[in-house]
N, C-alpha and C. Protein backbone atom coordinates (compact mmCIF):
# COMPACT_ATOMS: atom_id res chain seq x y z
N MET A 1 24.62 -17.68 5.53
CA MET A 1 24.41 -18.08 4.73
C MET A 1 23.31 -19.49 5.26
N GLN A 2 22.28 -19.61 5.20
CA GLN A 2 21.95 -21.34 5.61
C GLN A 2 21.18 -21.80 4.71
N ARG A 3 21.88 -23.01 4.94
CA ARG A 3 21.47 -23.66 3.63
C ARG A 3 20.01 -24.37 3.26
N LEU A 4 20.24 -25.03 1.96
CA LEU A 4 18.48 -24.61 1.58
C LEU A 4 18.24 -25.87 0.99
N LEU A 5 17.77 -26.97 1.50
CA LEU A 5 17.08 -27.61 0.81
C LEU A 5 15.87 -26.98 -0.04
N ILE A 6 15.19 -28.01 -1.27
CA ILE A 6 14.11 -27.83 -1.58
C ILE A 6 13.48 -29.24 -2.16
N VAL A 7 12.39 -28.98 -1.30
CA VAL A 7 11.82 -30.06 -1.99
C VAL A 7 10.16 -30.22 -2.97
N GLY A 8 10.69 -30.46 -3.77
CA GLY A 8 9.63 -30.65 -5.47
C GLY A 8 11.02 -29.70 -6.29
N ALA A 9 11.44 -30.69 -7.25
CA ALA A 9 12.30 -30.30 -8.35
C ALA A 9 11.05 -29.86 -9.63
N GLY A 10 10.06 -29.35 -9.34
CA GLY A 10 8.87 -29.78 -10.83
C GLY A 10 9.39 -28.03 -11.46
N SER A 11 8.26 -27.55 -11.94
CA SER A 11 8.18 -26.63 -12.78
C SER A 11 8.41 -25.49 -11.97
N HIS A 12 7.26 -25.81 -10.40
CA HIS A 12 7.68 -25.22 -9.19
C HIS A 12 8.59 -24.45 -8.38
N GLY A 13 9.40 -25.65 -7.85
CA GLY A 13 10.51 -25.36 -7.53
C GLY A 13 11.53 -24.98 -8.29
N ARG A 14 11.42 -25.64 -9.58
CA ARG A 14 12.88 -24.87 -10.09
C ARG A 14 12.99 -23.59 -9.97
N SER A 15 11.11 -22.75 -10.28
CA SER A 15 11.38 -20.77 -10.75
C SER A 15 11.43 -20.67 -8.56
N VAL A 16 11.06 -21.33 -8.20
CA VAL A 16 11.77 -21.32 -6.20
C VAL A 16 13.63 -21.56 -6.54
N ALA A 17 13.61 -21.84 -6.47
CA ALA A 17 15.61 -22.32 -7.20
C ALA A 17 16.14 -20.74 -7.46
N GLU A 18 15.47 -21.05 -9.31
CA GLU A 18 15.67 -19.18 -9.19
C GLU A 18 16.10 -18.51 -8.38
N ALA A 19 14.45 -18.25 -7.68
CA ALA A 19 14.67 -17.09 -6.81
C ALA A 19 14.81 -17.39 -5.99
N VAL A 20 15.70 -17.87 -5.41
CA VAL A 20 16.76 -18.32 -3.72
C VAL A 20 18.31 -18.04 -4.65
N VAL A 21 18.58 -17.58 -5.78
CA VAL A 21 18.95 -17.08 -6.57
C VAL A 21 19.94 -16.29 -5.99
N SER A 22 18.56 -15.89 -6.86
CA SER A 22 18.34 -14.32 -7.14
C SER A 22 18.61 -13.24 -5.77
N GLN A 23 17.35 -13.63 -4.99
CA GLN A 23 17.52 -13.55 -3.52
C GLN A 23 19.52 -13.10 -2.97
N ASN A 24 20.13 -14.03 -2.71
CA ASN A 24 21.18 -13.90 -2.01
C ASN A 24 20.94 -14.00 -1.12
N VAL A 25 20.00 -15.41 -0.11
CA VAL A 25 19.75 -14.95 1.52
C VAL A 25 20.37 -16.62 2.23
N TYR A 26 20.39 -17.51 0.98
CA TYR A 26 20.28 -19.34 1.18
C TYR A 26 20.60 -19.93 0.28
N LYS A 27 21.86 -20.30 0.86
CA LYS A 27 22.41 -21.28 -0.26
C LYS A 27 21.88 -22.21 -0.76
N LEU A 28 21.53 -22.68 -1.94
CA LEU A 28 20.76 -24.09 -2.25
C LEU A 28 21.52 -25.33 -2.04
N VAL A 29 21.65 -25.89 -1.82
CA VAL A 29 22.31 -27.42 -1.54
C VAL A 29 21.42 -28.61 -2.47
N GLY A 30 20.70 -28.47 -3.29
CA GLY A 30 19.91 -29.67 -3.64
C GLY A 30 18.00 -29.60 -3.75
N PHE A 31 17.48 -31.08 -3.95
CA PHE A 31 16.49 -31.40 -4.30
C PHE A 31 16.29 -31.87 -3.80
N VAL A 32 14.98 -32.80 -3.40
CA VAL A 32 14.82 -33.97 -2.99
C VAL A 32 13.29 -33.46 -3.49
N ASP A 33 13.10 -34.82 -4.44
CA ASP A 33 11.06 -35.56 -5.31
C ASP A 33 11.37 -36.63 -5.60
N ASP A 34 9.95 -37.09 -5.46
CA ASP A 34 9.85 -38.95 -5.82
C ASP A 34 9.60 -38.78 -6.62
N GLY A 35 9.79 -38.05 -7.73
CA GLY A 35 10.03 -38.09 -9.48
C GLY A 35 11.38 -38.68 -10.04
N TYR A 36 12.14 -37.89 -9.06
CA TYR A 36 13.53 -38.42 -9.78
C TYR A 36 14.34 -38.65 -8.78
N VAL A 37 15.52 -39.98 -9.76
CA VAL A 37 16.59 -40.32 -9.05
C VAL A 37 17.49 -39.51 -8.22
N ALA A 38 17.92 -39.77 -7.54
CA ALA A 38 19.04 -40.24 -6.65
C ALA A 38 19.85 -39.38 -7.17
N GLY A 39 20.74 -38.19 -6.96
CA GLY A 39 22.26 -38.20 -8.30
C GLY A 39 21.63 -37.56 -9.44
N ALA A 40 20.47 -37.23 -9.68
CA ALA A 40 19.82 -37.03 -10.77
C ALA A 40 20.31 -35.31 -10.98
N SER A 41 19.85 -34.16 -11.84
CA SER A 41 20.78 -33.31 -11.58
C SER A 41 19.28 -31.88 -12.35
N VAL A 42 19.63 -31.47 -11.32
CA VAL A 42 17.97 -29.85 -11.67
C VAL A 42 18.46 -28.85 -11.43
N PHE A 43 18.90 -28.65 -12.90
CA PHE A 43 19.90 -26.98 -13.07
C PHE A 43 21.01 -27.40 -13.16
N GLU A 44 22.24 -26.98 -11.78
CA GLU A 44 23.24 -27.27 -11.91
C GLU A 44 23.55 -28.14 -10.04
N TRP A 45 21.65 -28.42 -9.80
CA TRP A 45 21.87 -28.86 -8.18
C TRP A 45 21.35 -30.75 -8.45
N PRO A 46 21.85 -31.52 -7.09
CA PRO A 46 21.88 -32.30 -7.33
C PRO A 46 20.73 -32.87 -7.05
N VAL A 47 19.88 -33.88 -7.17
CA VAL A 47 18.39 -34.34 -6.25
C VAL A 47 19.18 -34.98 -5.09
N LEU A 48 19.00 -35.37 -4.31
CA LEU A 48 19.32 -36.12 -2.52
C LEU A 48 19.30 -37.18 -3.04
N GLY A 49 18.30 -37.52 -3.63
CA GLY A 49 16.85 -38.62 -2.40
C GLY A 49 15.32 -38.00 -3.10
N VAL A 50 14.32 -38.44 -1.99
CA VAL A 50 12.72 -38.60 -2.50
C VAL A 50 12.54 -38.43 -1.00
N ALA A 51 11.63 -37.35 -1.52
CA ALA A 51 11.23 -36.61 0.46
C ALA A 51 11.01 -37.64 1.41
N ALA A 52 11.12 -38.95 1.00
CA ALA A 52 10.60 -39.49 2.18
C ALA A 52 12.40 -39.86 3.22
N SER A 53 13.96 -39.45 2.07
CA SER A 53 14.53 -39.86 2.58
C SER A 53 14.91 -37.92 3.61
N LEU A 54 13.87 -37.22 3.99
CA LEU A 54 14.75 -36.18 4.27
C LEU A 54 15.03 -36.16 6.58
N PRO A 55 14.63 -37.41 6.54
CA PRO A 55 15.82 -37.15 8.30
C PRO A 55 17.09 -37.34 7.79
N ASN A 56 17.02 -38.48 6.34
CA ASN A 56 19.31 -38.62 6.27
C ASN A 56 19.73 -37.66 6.29
N LEU A 57 18.63 -36.62 5.60
CA LEU A 57 19.55 -35.31 5.04
C LEU A 57 19.97 -34.27 6.02
N LYS A 58 20.06 -34.13 7.33
CA LYS A 58 19.88 -33.34 8.21
C LYS A 58 21.31 -32.68 8.21
N ALA A 59 22.35 -33.52 8.12
CA ALA A 59 23.41 -32.99 7.66
C ALA A 59 24.20 -31.60 6.65
N GLN A 60 23.22 -31.84 6.13
CA GLN A 60 23.41 -31.69 4.22
C GLN A 60 22.98 -30.27 4.29
N ALA A 61 21.70 -29.99 4.87
CA ALA A 61 20.87 -28.52 4.94
C ALA A 61 20.49 -28.03 6.66
N ASP A 62 20.48 -26.82 6.24
CA ASP A 62 19.66 -26.37 7.66
C ASP A 62 18.54 -26.35 7.58
N CYS A 63 17.51 -25.14 6.62
CA CYS A 63 16.80 -25.14 5.98
C CYS A 63 15.14 -26.48 4.97
N VAL A 64 14.25 -25.88 5.11
CA VAL A 64 14.08 -26.25 3.64
C VAL A 64 12.73 -25.39 3.12
N LEU A 65 12.50 -25.82 2.09
CA LEU A 65 10.81 -25.18 1.22
C LEU A 65 10.64 -25.64 0.58
N VAL A 66 9.05 -26.30 1.07
CA VAL A 66 8.51 -27.15 0.37
C VAL A 66 8.12 -26.84 -0.93
N ALA A 67 8.52 -26.84 -2.12
CA ALA A 67 7.93 -26.47 -3.59
C ALA A 67 6.78 -27.24 -4.43
N ILE A 68 5.95 -27.54 -3.79
CA ILE A 68 5.04 -28.32 -4.38
C ILE A 68 3.41 -27.42 -4.37
N GLY A 69 2.98 -27.54 -5.59
CA GLY A 69 2.09 -26.67 -5.74
C GLY A 69 0.77 -27.55 -4.84
N ASN A 70 0.65 -27.65 -5.01
CA ASN A 70 -0.67 -28.97 -4.41
C ASN A 70 -0.53 -29.32 -3.16
N ASN A 71 -1.62 -27.85 -2.64
CA ASN A 71 -1.59 -27.64 -1.10
C ASN A 71 -1.93 -28.88 0.06
N ALA A 72 -2.24 -29.79 -0.55
CA ALA A 72 -2.69 -30.86 0.40
C ALA A 72 -1.08 -32.16 0.67
N VAL A 73 -0.52 -31.67 -0.35
CA VAL A 73 1.07 -32.14 -0.55
C VAL A 73 1.97 -31.77 0.12
N ARG A 74 1.90 -29.83 0.07
CA ARG A 74 2.45 -29.50 0.05
C ARG A 74 2.65 -30.00 1.93
N GLU A 75 2.04 -29.58 2.74
CA GLU A 75 1.45 -29.53 3.25
C GLU A 75 2.28 -30.49 4.40
N LYS A 76 1.67 -32.40 3.78
CA LYS A 76 2.19 -33.30 4.24
C LYS A 76 3.71 -32.99 4.48
N TRP A 77 4.57 -32.47 3.30
CA TRP A 77 5.80 -32.28 3.41
C TRP A 77 6.22 -31.59 4.49
N VAL A 78 6.16 -30.44 4.46
CA VAL A 78 6.18 -29.25 5.26
C VAL A 78 5.99 -29.93 7.24
N ALA A 79 5.02 -30.61 7.13
CA ALA A 79 4.78 -31.67 8.49
C ALA A 79 6.06 -32.37 8.35
N SER A 80 6.53 -33.32 8.02
CA SER A 80 7.74 -34.22 7.00
C SER A 80 9.30 -33.42 7.72
N ALA A 81 9.29 -32.68 7.00
CA ALA A 81 10.51 -31.67 7.18
C ALA A 81 10.04 -31.32 9.06
N LEU A 82 9.14 -31.09 9.52
CA LEU A 82 9.30 -30.11 11.15
C LEU A 82 9.69 -31.32 11.48
N ALA A 83 9.45 -32.83 10.88
CA ALA A 83 9.65 -33.15 12.19
C ALA A 83 10.53 -34.12 11.76
N ALA A 84 11.47 -33.88 10.80
CA ALA A 84 12.61 -34.15 10.70
C ALA A 84 13.49 -32.90 10.51
N GLY A 85 13.40 -31.97 11.95
CA GLY A 85 14.01 -30.92 12.40
C GLY A 85 14.46 -30.26 11.83
N PHE A 86 13.86 -29.25 10.75
CA PHE A 86 14.46 -28.80 9.52
C PHE A 86 13.89 -27.41 9.87
N ALA A 87 14.21 -26.57 9.73
CA ALA A 87 13.49 -25.31 10.42
C ALA A 87 12.61 -24.97 8.43
N LEU A 88 11.30 -23.72 8.94
CA LEU A 88 10.53 -23.98 7.09
C LEU A 88 12.47 -22.63 6.32
N ALA A 89 11.81 -22.57 5.56
CA ALA A 89 12.53 -21.51 4.86
C ALA A 89 11.59 -20.50 4.34
N THR A 90 12.04 -19.09 4.07
CA THR A 90 10.46 -18.24 3.73
C THR A 90 11.03 -17.25 2.77
N LEU A 91 10.85 -17.18 1.84
CA LEU A 91 10.90 -16.78 0.15
C LEU A 91 10.66 -15.87 -0.28
N VAL A 92 11.11 -14.36 -0.26
CA VAL A 92 10.52 -13.41 -1.19
C VAL A 92 11.31 -12.91 -2.22
N HIS A 93 11.02 -13.33 -3.92
CA HIS A 93 11.10 -13.12 -4.66
C HIS A 93 11.97 -10.81 -4.27
N PRO A 94 13.52 -10.78 -4.87
CA PRO A 94 13.37 -9.10 -4.95
C PRO A 94 13.01 -8.43 -5.55
N ARG A 95 12.19 -9.44 -6.46
CA ARG A 95 10.95 -8.60 -7.16
C ARG A 95 10.02 -7.91 -7.17
N ALA A 96 9.30 -8.71 -5.91
CA ALA A 96 7.78 -8.50 -5.31
C ALA A 96 8.16 -7.63 -4.20
N PHE A 97 7.06 -7.56 -3.58
CA PHE A 97 6.44 -6.25 -2.92
C PHE A 97 5.61 -6.22 -1.62
N VAL A 98 6.94 -6.21 -0.54
CA VAL A 98 5.85 -7.06 1.09
C VAL A 98 5.88 -5.82 1.65
N SER A 99 4.55 -5.53 1.93
CA SER A 99 4.41 -4.47 2.86
C SER A 99 5.46 -4.82 4.81
N PRO A 100 5.72 -3.29 5.11
CA PRO A 100 6.87 -4.33 5.84
C PRO A 100 5.56 -3.94 7.00
N SER A 101 4.07 -3.59 7.47
CA SER A 101 3.45 -4.39 7.63
C SER A 101 2.50 -5.18 7.81
N ALA A 102 2.90 -6.45 6.37
CA ALA A 102 2.54 -7.50 6.09
C ALA A 102 3.19 -9.28 7.91
N VAL A 103 2.55 -9.55 7.89
CA VAL A 103 2.76 -10.41 8.15
C VAL A 103 3.13 -11.87 7.47
N VAL A 104 4.19 -12.59 7.65
CA VAL A 104 4.55 -13.63 6.25
C VAL A 104 4.85 -14.46 7.17
N GLY A 105 4.13 -16.42 6.75
CA GLY A 105 4.29 -16.64 8.08
C GLY A 105 5.18 -17.82 7.33
N ALA A 106 6.16 -18.81 7.86
CA ALA A 106 7.31 -19.88 7.37
C ALA A 106 7.04 -20.42 6.42
N GLY A 107 7.89 -20.85 5.52
CA GLY A 107 8.17 -22.16 4.28
C GLY A 107 7.10 -20.89 3.38
N THR A 108 6.33 -20.05 3.70
CA THR A 108 6.06 -19.74 2.04
C THR A 108 7.22 -18.78 1.26
N ALA A 109 6.31 -18.43 0.11
CA ALA A 109 7.06 -18.97 -1.63
C ALA A 109 6.26 -17.29 -1.78
N ILE A 110 6.85 -16.05 -1.69
CA ILE A 110 5.88 -14.95 -2.40
C ILE A 110 6.92 -14.51 -3.93
N MET A 111 6.73 -15.30 -5.57
CA MET A 111 7.08 -15.05 -6.50
C MET A 111 7.16 -14.03 -6.88
N ALA A 112 8.18 -13.57 -8.33
CA ALA A 112 8.60 -12.06 -9.46
C ALA A 112 7.27 -11.80 -9.28
N GLY A 113 7.09 -10.33 -8.56
CA GLY A 113 6.44 -9.34 -9.64
C GLY A 113 5.05 -9.57 -7.95
N ALA A 114 4.22 -10.19 -7.19
CA ALA A 114 3.96 -10.66 -6.21
C ALA A 114 4.00 -9.34 -5.47
N MET A 115 2.79 -8.80 -5.03
CA MET A 115 2.45 -7.33 -4.21
C MET A 115 1.55 -7.83 -3.07
N VAL A 116 2.76 -8.01 -1.66
CA VAL A 116 1.26 -8.14 -0.07
C VAL A 116 1.21 -6.78 0.03
N GLY A 117 0.11 -6.47 0.66
CA GLY A 117 0.02 -4.81 1.27
C GLY A 117 -0.11 -5.26 2.71
N THR A 118 -0.98 -3.52 2.93
CA THR A 118 -0.77 -2.69 4.57
C THR A 118 -1.47 -4.31 5.22
N GLU A 119 -0.65 -4.56 6.34
CA GLU A 119 -1.08 -5.56 7.64
C GLU A 119 -1.44 -6.59 6.84
N ALA A 120 -1.36 -6.86 5.72
CA ALA A 120 -1.45 -8.87 5.27
C ALA A 120 -1.44 -9.64 5.52
N ARG A 121 -1.75 -11.13 6.18
CA ARG A 121 -1.50 -11.35 6.61
C ARG A 121 -0.97 -13.18 5.88
N LEU A 122 -0.07 -13.81 5.84
CA LEU A 122 0.46 -15.26 4.62
C LEU A 122 0.39 -15.88 6.51
N GLY A 123 -0.02 -17.04 5.67
CA GLY A 123 -0.34 -18.26 7.09
C GLY A 123 1.63 -19.12 6.12
N VAL A 124 1.36 -20.43 7.31
CA VAL A 124 2.13 -20.86 7.23
C VAL A 124 2.69 -21.53 6.04
N ALA A 125 3.46 -21.89 4.67
CA ALA A 125 3.74 -22.59 3.84
C ALA A 125 2.10 -22.06 2.51
N SER A 126 2.45 -20.65 2.83
CA SER A 126 1.49 -20.43 1.63
C SER A 126 2.04 -19.57 -0.35
N ILE A 127 1.63 -19.87 -0.71
CA ILE A 127 1.74 -18.98 -1.95
C ILE A 127 1.08 -18.21 -2.99
N VAL A 128 2.35 -17.73 -2.84
CA VAL A 128 1.91 -15.84 -3.68
C VAL A 128 2.71 -15.81 -4.81
N ASN A 129 1.87 -16.64 -6.57
CA ASN A 129 3.03 -16.78 -7.28
C ASN A 129 3.42 -15.62 -8.16
N ALA A 130 3.86 -15.83 -9.53
CA ALA A 130 4.04 -14.80 -9.77
C ALA A 130 3.07 -13.50 -10.33
N GLY A 131 3.31 -12.03 -9.71
CA GLY A 131 2.27 -10.88 -10.10
C GLY A 131 0.94 -10.54 -9.73
N ALA A 132 0.37 -12.02 -8.27
CA ALA A 132 -0.11 -12.32 -8.13
C ALA A 132 -0.53 -11.06 -6.36
N VAL A 133 -1.40 -10.62 -6.70
CA VAL A 133 -1.73 -9.52 -5.47
C VAL A 133 -2.48 -9.62 -4.11
N VAL A 134 -1.71 -9.66 -3.16
CA VAL A 134 -2.73 -10.15 -1.82
C VAL A 134 -2.85 -8.52 -1.36
N ASP A 135 -4.23 -8.30 -1.03
CA ASP A 135 -4.21 -6.54 -1.38
C ASP A 135 -3.91 -6.19 0.80
N HIS A 136 -4.35 -5.30 0.76
CA HIS A 136 -4.49 -4.54 2.35
C HIS A 136 -5.55 -5.14 3.12
N HIS A 137 -4.95 -5.68 4.26
CA HIS A 137 -5.55 -6.55 5.65
C HIS A 137 -6.44 -7.53 4.86
N ALA A 138 -5.67 -7.54 3.73
CA ALA A 138 -5.80 -9.68 2.84
C ALA A 138 -5.34 -10.55 3.80
N VAL A 139 -6.18 -11.94 3.94
CA VAL A 139 -5.44 -13.03 5.00
C VAL A 139 -5.61 -13.98 3.93
N VAL A 140 -4.33 -14.93 4.66
CA VAL A 140 -4.33 -16.34 2.98
C VAL A 140 -3.72 -17.19 4.49
N GLU A 141 -4.63 -18.00 4.62
CA GLU A 141 -4.77 -18.78 6.16
C GLU A 141 -3.11 -19.95 5.80
N ASP A 142 -2.91 -20.93 6.54
CA ASP A 142 -1.85 -21.81 6.27
C ASP A 142 -2.17 -22.70 4.57
N PHE A 143 -1.33 -23.25 4.23
CA PHE A 143 -1.19 -23.93 2.74
C PHE A 143 -1.73 -23.21 1.59
N GLY A 144 -2.92 -22.40 1.78
CA GLY A 144 -2.97 -21.26 0.65
C GLY A 144 -2.67 -20.52 -0.39
N HIS A 145 -2.87 -21.08 -1.37
CA HIS A 145 -2.36 -20.85 -3.39
C HIS A 145 -2.91 -19.86 -4.16
N LEU A 146 -2.31 -18.64 -4.00
CA LEU A 146 -2.57 -17.75 -5.26
C LEU A 146 -1.71 -18.52 -6.50
N GLY A 147 -2.53 -18.30 -7.19
CA GLY A 147 -1.45 -18.55 -8.71
C GLY A 147 -1.46 -17.15 -9.43
N THR A 148 -0.95 -17.27 -10.30
CA THR A 148 0.20 -16.54 -11.11
C THR A 148 -1.40 -15.41 -11.56
N SER A 149 -1.23 -14.33 -11.22
CA SER A 149 -2.02 -13.21 -11.64
C SER A 149 -3.12 -13.33 -10.73
N ALA A 150 -3.54 -14.28 -9.81
CA ALA A 150 -4.53 -14.62 -9.36
C ALA A 150 -4.90 -13.29 -8.07
N CYS A 151 -5.74 -12.75 -7.06
CA CYS A 151 -6.08 -11.12 -6.88
C CYS A 151 -6.32 -11.09 -5.53
N MET A 152 -6.24 -10.17 -4.53
CA MET A 152 -7.21 -10.54 -3.28
C MET A 152 -7.50 -9.30 -2.64
N ALA A 153 -9.06 -7.81 -2.84
CA ALA A 153 -8.93 -7.67 -2.48
C ALA A 153 -8.43 -6.80 -1.32
N GLY A 154 -9.38 -5.62 -0.70
CA GLY A 154 -8.20 -5.61 0.67
C GLY A 154 -9.67 -6.45 1.75
N GLY A 155 -9.66 -7.06 2.61
CA GLY A 155 -10.06 -7.76 3.78
C GLY A 155 -10.09 -8.75 3.09
N ALA A 156 -10.38 -9.55 1.88
CA ALA A 156 -10.15 -10.18 1.48
C ALA A 156 -10.45 -12.02 2.02
N LEU A 157 -10.23 -12.73 2.35
CA LEU A 157 -9.84 -14.14 3.02
C LEU A 157 -9.89 -15.25 2.26
N LEU A 158 -8.73 -15.63 2.48
CA LEU A 158 -8.36 -17.44 1.27
C LEU A 158 -8.39 -18.89 2.39
N GLY A 159 -9.20 -19.13 2.80
CA GLY A 159 -9.40 -20.51 3.64
C GLY A 159 -7.53 -21.45 3.41
N ARG A 160 -7.98 -22.40 4.94
CA ARG A 160 -6.54 -22.83 4.83
C ARG A 160 -6.68 -23.68 3.59
N GLY A 161 -4.95 -24.00 3.48
CA GLY A 161 -5.54 -24.81 1.84
C GLY A 161 -6.42 -25.13 0.98
N ALA A 162 -6.51 -23.22 0.10
CA ALA A 162 -7.16 -22.94 -0.93
C ALA A 162 -6.63 -22.89 -1.72
N TRP A 163 -7.06 -22.71 -3.00
CA TRP A 163 -6.20 -22.49 -3.83
C TRP A 163 -7.56 -21.47 -4.75
N MET A 164 -6.48 -20.45 -4.89
CA MET A 164 -7.03 -19.36 -6.63
C MET A 164 -6.01 -20.16 -7.27
N GLN A 165 -6.96 -20.07 -8.16
CA GLN A 165 -6.15 -20.33 -10.09
C GLN A 165 -5.78 -19.17 -10.69
N ALA A 166 -4.70 -18.76 -11.58
CA ALA A 166 -4.60 -17.96 -11.57
C ALA A 166 -5.70 -17.50 -13.00
N GLY A 167 -5.17 -15.82 -12.44
CA GLY A 167 -6.15 -15.09 -12.97
C GLY A 167 -7.59 -14.67 -12.14
N SER A 168 -7.67 -15.48 -11.38
CA SER A 168 -9.36 -15.59 -10.01
C SER A 168 -8.73 -14.42 -9.74
N ALA A 169 -9.86 -14.05 -8.56
CA ALA A 169 -9.95 -12.67 -7.60
C ALA A 169 -10.89 -12.46 -6.93
N LEU A 170 -10.65 -12.05 -5.76
CA LEU A 170 -11.25 -11.96 -4.67
C LEU A 170 -11.96 -10.50 -4.34
N GLY A 171 -13.34 -10.46 -4.30
CA GLY A 171 -13.93 -8.80 -4.44
C GLY A 171 -13.53 -8.47 -2.35
N TYR A 172 -13.59 -6.78 -2.10
CA TYR A 172 -13.56 -6.31 -0.78
C TYR A 172 -14.48 -7.66 0.42
N GLY A 173 -13.73 -8.18 0.54
CA GLY A 173 -13.53 -8.39 1.64
C GLY A 173 -14.33 -10.23 1.92
N VAL A 174 -14.37 -10.79 0.21
CA VAL A 174 -14.59 -11.96 0.38
C VAL A 174 -14.29 -13.22 0.73
N LYS A 175 -14.95 -13.94 1.42
CA LYS A 175 -14.36 -15.60 1.62
C LYS A 175 -14.53 -16.22 1.59
N VAL A 176 -13.30 -17.54 1.22
CA VAL A 176 -13.02 -18.43 0.32
C VAL A 176 -13.23 -19.27 1.59
N ALA A 177 -14.10 -20.75 1.95
CA ALA A 177 -13.68 -21.83 1.72
C ALA A 177 -12.42 -22.42 2.32
N ALA A 178 -11.89 -22.91 3.97
CA ALA A 178 -11.00 -24.04 3.77
C ALA A 178 -10.67 -24.93 2.13
N GLY A 179 -9.72 -25.59 2.03
CA GLY A 179 -9.97 -26.39 0.08
C GLY A 179 -10.10 -25.52 -0.69
N ALA A 180 -11.18 -25.32 -1.10
CA ALA A 180 -11.87 -24.16 -1.92
C ALA A 180 -10.73 -24.52 -2.39
N VAL A 181 -11.42 -24.43 -4.59
CA VAL A 181 -11.19 -24.36 -5.10
C VAL A 181 -11.43 -22.98 -6.23
N LEU A 182 -11.08 -21.99 -5.97
CA LEU A 182 -11.33 -20.63 -7.25
C LEU A 182 -10.89 -21.19 -8.92
N LEU A 183 -11.88 -20.65 -9.55
CA LEU A 183 -11.57 -20.95 -10.81
C LEU A 183 -11.76 -19.26 -11.13
N PRO A 184 -10.72 -18.80 -12.93
CA PRO A 184 -10.93 -17.97 -13.51
C PRO A 184 -12.22 -17.42 -13.31
N GLY A 185 -12.33 -16.50 -13.38
CA GLY A 185 -14.10 -16.08 -14.16
C GLY A 185 -15.32 -16.51 -13.06
N GLN A 186 -15.10 -17.12 -11.73
CA GLN A 186 -15.72 -18.20 -10.75
C GLN A 186 -15.93 -16.84 -9.82
N GLY A 187 -16.12 -15.56 -9.82
CA GLY A 187 -16.66 -14.39 -8.82
C GLY A 187 -17.03 -14.51 -7.46
N GLN A 188 -16.52 -14.52 -6.45
CA GLN A 188 -17.77 -14.83 -5.49
C GLN A 188 -18.30 -13.65 -4.67
N MET A 189 -19.11 -13.18 -4.60
CA MET A 189 -19.96 -12.60 -3.43
C MET A 189 -20.06 -13.29 -1.95
């Protein structure tokens, strides 16, 4: 079992930790987070340092999952983790559904109740949060983020680093530009 370090001990990081335990694929060794003092605990796991200490933690973990909802910050720490020699862990909650024909990028987190459909593609370090849907042939580019219960219909595209906030939806074939933020009720045609 690979040893996993979670970058981010906030709300998303804690949700990821619970999913890691229920998935039983990785051994969680702890967190790094700039908002905690080294030696603090989150649940029963230690905070091993700040994110900048990643290069010093290589002996303690094999892989990293960056569990930070902010897409730009997640991208920065993914680059740092890769530069430090870590592999990116990919998390699929046991209560999520991912089609066998879907492609899931490294470092992605697919949370409980999420659904990823036929031939959908998820880029590197994307987030498909609880109850979110990426339907058939939809594409989430690198560092894209679907909030809780967000929904992408077939063939929709969420650009690099774009964020669909909780409850937002994209119709069939709709494209959202890189870095955009889609609010609930703010449909695009």
